[in-house]
């Protein structure tokens, strides 16, 4: 699993909520909860939610979200 997620994250700048859920090994509703409670930073492109790879890495490293204004 680590090899696959590493290759995916090397190629992309942003992930969909489903891709983030797959990488984290959690459900899509769990990722949505993390997004909308401000635990993981995200951006919107129209109706799409985009999670910067750097935001997912920061979450995994236990870093605090400094700007939750992207909600």
N, C-alpha and C. Protein backbone atom coordinates (compact mmCIF):
# COMPACT_ATOMS: atom_id res chain seq x y z
N UNK A 1 0.81 -1.19 0.00
CA UNK A 1 0.00 0.00 0.00
C UNK A 1 0.86 1.27 0.00
N UNK A 2 1.90 1.31 0.80
CA UNK A 2 2.73 2.50 0.89
C UNK A 2 3.36 2.83 -0.46
N UNK A 3 3.77 1.82 -1.22
CA UNK A 3 4.37 2.06 -2.52
C UNK A 3 3.39 2.67 -3.49
N UNK A 4 2.18 2.19 -3.48
CA UNK A 4 1.16 2.71 -4.39
C UNK A 4 0.81 4.15 -4.05
N UNK A 5 0.57 4.44 -2.78
CA UNK A 5 0.19 5.80 -2.40
C UNK A 5 1.34 6.77 -2.65
N UNK A 6 2.57 6.33 -2.46
CA UNK A 6 3.71 7.19 -2.72
C UNK A 6 3.81 7.58 -4.18
N UNK A 7 3.60 6.62 -5.06
CA UNK A 7 3.64 6.93 -6.49
C UNK A 7 2.50 7.85 -6.88
N UNK A 8 1.31 7.64 -6.34
CA UNK A 8 0.17 8.48 -6.65
C UNK A 8 0.44 9.91 -6.21
N UNK A 9 0.97 10.07 -5.00
CA UNK A 9 1.19 11.40 -4.47
C UNK A 9 2.36 12.10 -5.16
N UNK A 10 3.27 11.36 -5.78
CA UNK A 10 4.37 11.98 -6.51
C UNK A 10 3.88 12.61 -7.82
N UNK A 11 2.82 12.08 -8.38
CA UNK A 11 2.34 12.54 -9.68
C UNK A 11 1.33 13.66 -9.58
N UNK A 12 0.55 13.73 -8.53
CA UNK A 12 -0.56 14.66 -8.45
C UNK A 12 -0.27 15.79 -7.47
N UNK A 13 -0.85 16.95 -7.76
CA UNK A 13 -0.75 18.08 -6.83
C UNK A 13 -1.94 18.10 -5.88
N UNK A 14 -3.07 17.54 -6.32
CA UNK A 14 -4.27 17.54 -5.49
C UNK A 14 -5.01 16.22 -5.69
N UNK A 15 -5.77 15.85 -4.66
CA UNK A 15 -6.50 14.59 -4.66
C UNK A 15 -7.99 14.85 -4.47
N UNK A 16 -8.80 13.94 -4.96
CA UNK A 16 -10.22 13.98 -4.68
C UNK A 16 -10.44 13.42 -3.28
N UNK A 17 -11.58 13.69 -2.67
CA UNK A 17 -11.86 13.09 -1.37
C UNK A 17 -11.79 11.55 -1.40
N UNK A 18 -12.24 10.93 -2.48
CA UNK A 18 -12.18 9.47 -2.57
C UNK A 18 -10.74 8.98 -2.63
N UNK A 19 -9.89 9.67 -3.38
CA UNK A 19 -8.47 9.29 -3.44
C UNK A 19 -7.82 9.44 -2.07
N UNK A 20 -8.16 10.52 -1.36
CA UNK A 20 -7.61 10.72 -0.02
C UNK A 20 -8.07 9.61 0.92
N UNK A 21 -9.34 9.23 0.81
CA UNK A 21 -9.87 8.14 1.64
C UNK A 21 -9.13 6.84 1.37
N UNK A 22 -8.89 6.55 0.10
CA UNK A 22 -8.16 5.33 -0.27
C UNK A 22 -6.75 5.34 0.31
N UNK A 23 -6.08 6.47 0.21
CA UNK A 23 -4.71 6.57 0.72
C UNK A 23 -4.67 6.44 2.24
N UNK A 24 -5.62 7.09 2.91
CA UNK A 24 -5.66 7.04 4.37
C UNK A 24 -6.22 5.73 4.91
N UNK A 25 -6.93 4.99 4.07
CA UNK A 25 -7.53 3.74 4.51
C UNK A 25 -8.77 3.96 5.37
N UNK A 26 -9.48 5.05 5.09
CA UNK A 26 -10.71 5.36 5.82
C UNK A 26 -11.85 5.53 4.81
N UNK A 27 -13.05 5.70 5.34
CA UNK A 27 -14.21 5.85 4.45
C UNK A 27 -14.31 7.29 3.92
N UNK A 28 -15.06 7.45 2.85
CA UNK A 28 -15.30 8.77 2.28
C UNK A 28 -16.00 9.69 3.28
N UNK A 29 -17.02 9.22 4.02
CA UNK A 29 -17.62 10.10 5.03
C UNK A 29 -16.63 10.58 6.09
N UNK A 30 -15.65 9.76 6.44
CA UNK A 30 -14.63 10.17 7.41
C UNK A 30 -13.78 11.30 6.83
N UNK A 31 -13.40 11.19 5.57
CA UNK A 31 -12.62 12.26 4.94
C UNK A 31 -13.44 13.54 4.87
N UNK A 32 -14.70 13.42 4.50
CA UNK A 32 -15.56 14.62 4.43
C UNK A 32 -15.66 15.29 5.80
N UNK A 33 -15.76 14.51 6.85
CA UNK A 33 -15.82 15.06 8.20
C UNK A 33 -14.52 15.79 8.53
N UNK A 34 -13.38 15.20 8.18
CA UNK A 34 -12.09 15.85 8.41
C UNK A 34 -11.97 17.16 7.64
N UNK A 35 -12.51 17.18 6.43
CA UNK A 35 -12.48 18.39 5.62
C UNK A 35 -13.35 19.49 6.22
N UNK A 36 -14.58 19.15 6.53
CA UNK A 36 -15.54 20.17 6.93
C UNK A 36 -15.41 20.59 8.40
N UNK A 37 -14.60 19.86 9.17
CA UNK A 37 -14.29 20.31 10.53
C UNK A 37 -12.95 21.06 10.56
N UNK A 38 -12.33 21.21 9.41
CA UNK A 38 -11.10 21.99 9.31
C UNK A 38 -9.83 21.23 9.65
N UNK A 39 -9.89 19.92 9.77
CA UNK A 39 -8.69 19.14 10.11
C UNK A 39 -7.77 18.97 8.90
N UNK A 40 -8.36 18.96 7.68
CA UNK A 40 -7.58 18.87 6.45
C UNK A 40 -7.98 20.05 5.57
N UNK A 41 -6.99 20.78 5.09
CA UNK A 41 -7.21 21.93 4.22
C UNK A 41 -7.64 21.44 2.84
N UNK A 42 -8.52 22.22 2.19
CA UNK A 42 -8.95 21.87 0.84
C UNK A 42 -9.32 23.13 0.08
N UNK A 43 -9.50 22.96 -1.22
CA UNK A 43 -9.94 24.06 -2.09
C UNK A 43 -11.10 23.56 -2.92
N UNK A 44 -11.85 24.48 -3.42
CA UNK A 44 -12.95 24.13 -4.32
C UNK A 44 -12.64 24.63 -5.73
N UNK A 45 -13.01 23.82 -6.70
CA UNK A 45 -12.96 24.21 -8.11
C UNK A 45 -14.37 23.94 -8.63
N UNK A 46 -15.18 24.96 -8.60
CA UNK A 46 -16.60 24.75 -8.90
C UNK A 46 -17.20 23.95 -7.76
N UNK A 47 -17.80 22.83 -8.09
CA UNK A 47 -18.38 21.96 -7.06
C UNK A 47 -17.41 20.91 -6.56
N UNK A 48 -16.28 20.79 -7.25
CA UNK A 48 -15.29 19.77 -6.85
C UNK A 48 -14.50 20.21 -5.63
N UNK A 49 -14.18 19.24 -4.80
CA UNK A 49 -13.31 19.46 -3.65
C UNK A 49 -11.95 18.89 -4.01
N UNK A 50 -10.92 19.71 -3.86
CA UNK A 50 -9.55 19.29 -4.15
C UNK A 50 -8.73 19.40 -2.88
N UNK A 51 -8.04 18.32 -2.55
CA UNK A 51 -7.20 18.28 -1.37
C UNK A 51 -5.75 18.31 -1.82
N UNK A 52 -5.04 19.42 -1.54
CA UNK A 52 -3.63 19.46 -1.92
C UNK A 52 -2.86 18.32 -1.24
N UNK A 53 -1.97 17.72 -1.97
CA UNK A 53 -1.15 16.64 -1.40
C UNK A 53 -0.44 17.15 -0.16
N UNK A 54 0.01 18.39 -0.19
CA UNK A 54 0.71 18.95 0.98
C UNK A 54 -0.20 19.01 2.20
N UNK A 55 -1.50 19.24 2.00
CA UNK A 55 -2.45 19.27 3.12
C UNK A 55 -2.63 17.88 3.71
N UNK A 56 -2.66 16.87 2.85
CA UNK A 56 -2.79 15.49 3.34
C UNK A 56 -1.53 15.08 4.10
N UNK A 57 -0.37 15.46 3.57
CA UNK A 57 0.89 15.16 4.26
C UNK A 57 0.95 15.88 5.60
N UNK A 58 0.49 17.13 5.66
CA UNK A 58 0.49 17.88 6.93
C UNK A 58 -0.42 17.18 7.94
N UNK A 59 -1.57 16.72 7.51
CA UNK A 59 -2.47 16.01 8.41
C UNK A 59 -1.81 14.74 8.94
N UNK A 60 -1.16 14.00 8.06
CA UNK A 60 -0.51 12.76 8.47
C UNK A 60 0.66 13.02 9.42
N UNK A 61 1.28 14.19 9.31
CA UNK A 61 2.39 14.55 10.19
C UNK A 61 1.90 15.19 11.48
N UNK A 62 0.59 15.33 11.63
CA UNK A 62 0.02 15.89 12.85
C UNK A 62 0.11 17.39 12.95
N UNK A 63 0.33 18.05 11.81
CA UNK A 63 0.43 19.50 11.83
C UNK A 63 -0.95 20.13 11.93
N UNK A 64 -1.01 21.27 12.60
CA UNK A 64 -2.26 22.02 12.75
C UNK A 64 -2.60 22.72 11.42
N UNK A 65 -3.87 22.83 11.14
CA UNK A 65 -4.32 23.60 9.97
C UNK A 65 -4.30 25.06 10.38
N UNK A 66 -3.52 25.86 9.65
CA UNK A 66 -3.38 27.27 10.00
C UNK A 66 -4.46 28.12 9.40
N UNK A 67 -4.97 27.73 8.24
CA UNK A 67 -5.98 28.54 7.58
C UNK A 67 -7.12 27.65 7.14
N UNK A 68 -8.20 27.66 7.89
CA UNK A 68 -9.37 26.85 7.54
C UNK A 68 -10.35 27.68 6.72
N UNK A 69 -9.90 28.81 6.17
CA UNK A 69 -10.79 29.68 5.40
C UNK A 69 -11.16 29.08 4.05
N UNK A 70 -10.53 27.98 3.67
CA UNK A 70 -10.84 27.37 2.37
C UNK A 70 -12.15 26.61 2.39
N UNK A 71 -12.80 26.55 3.55
CA UNK A 71 -14.08 25.84 3.65
C UNK A 71 -15.20 26.59 3.03
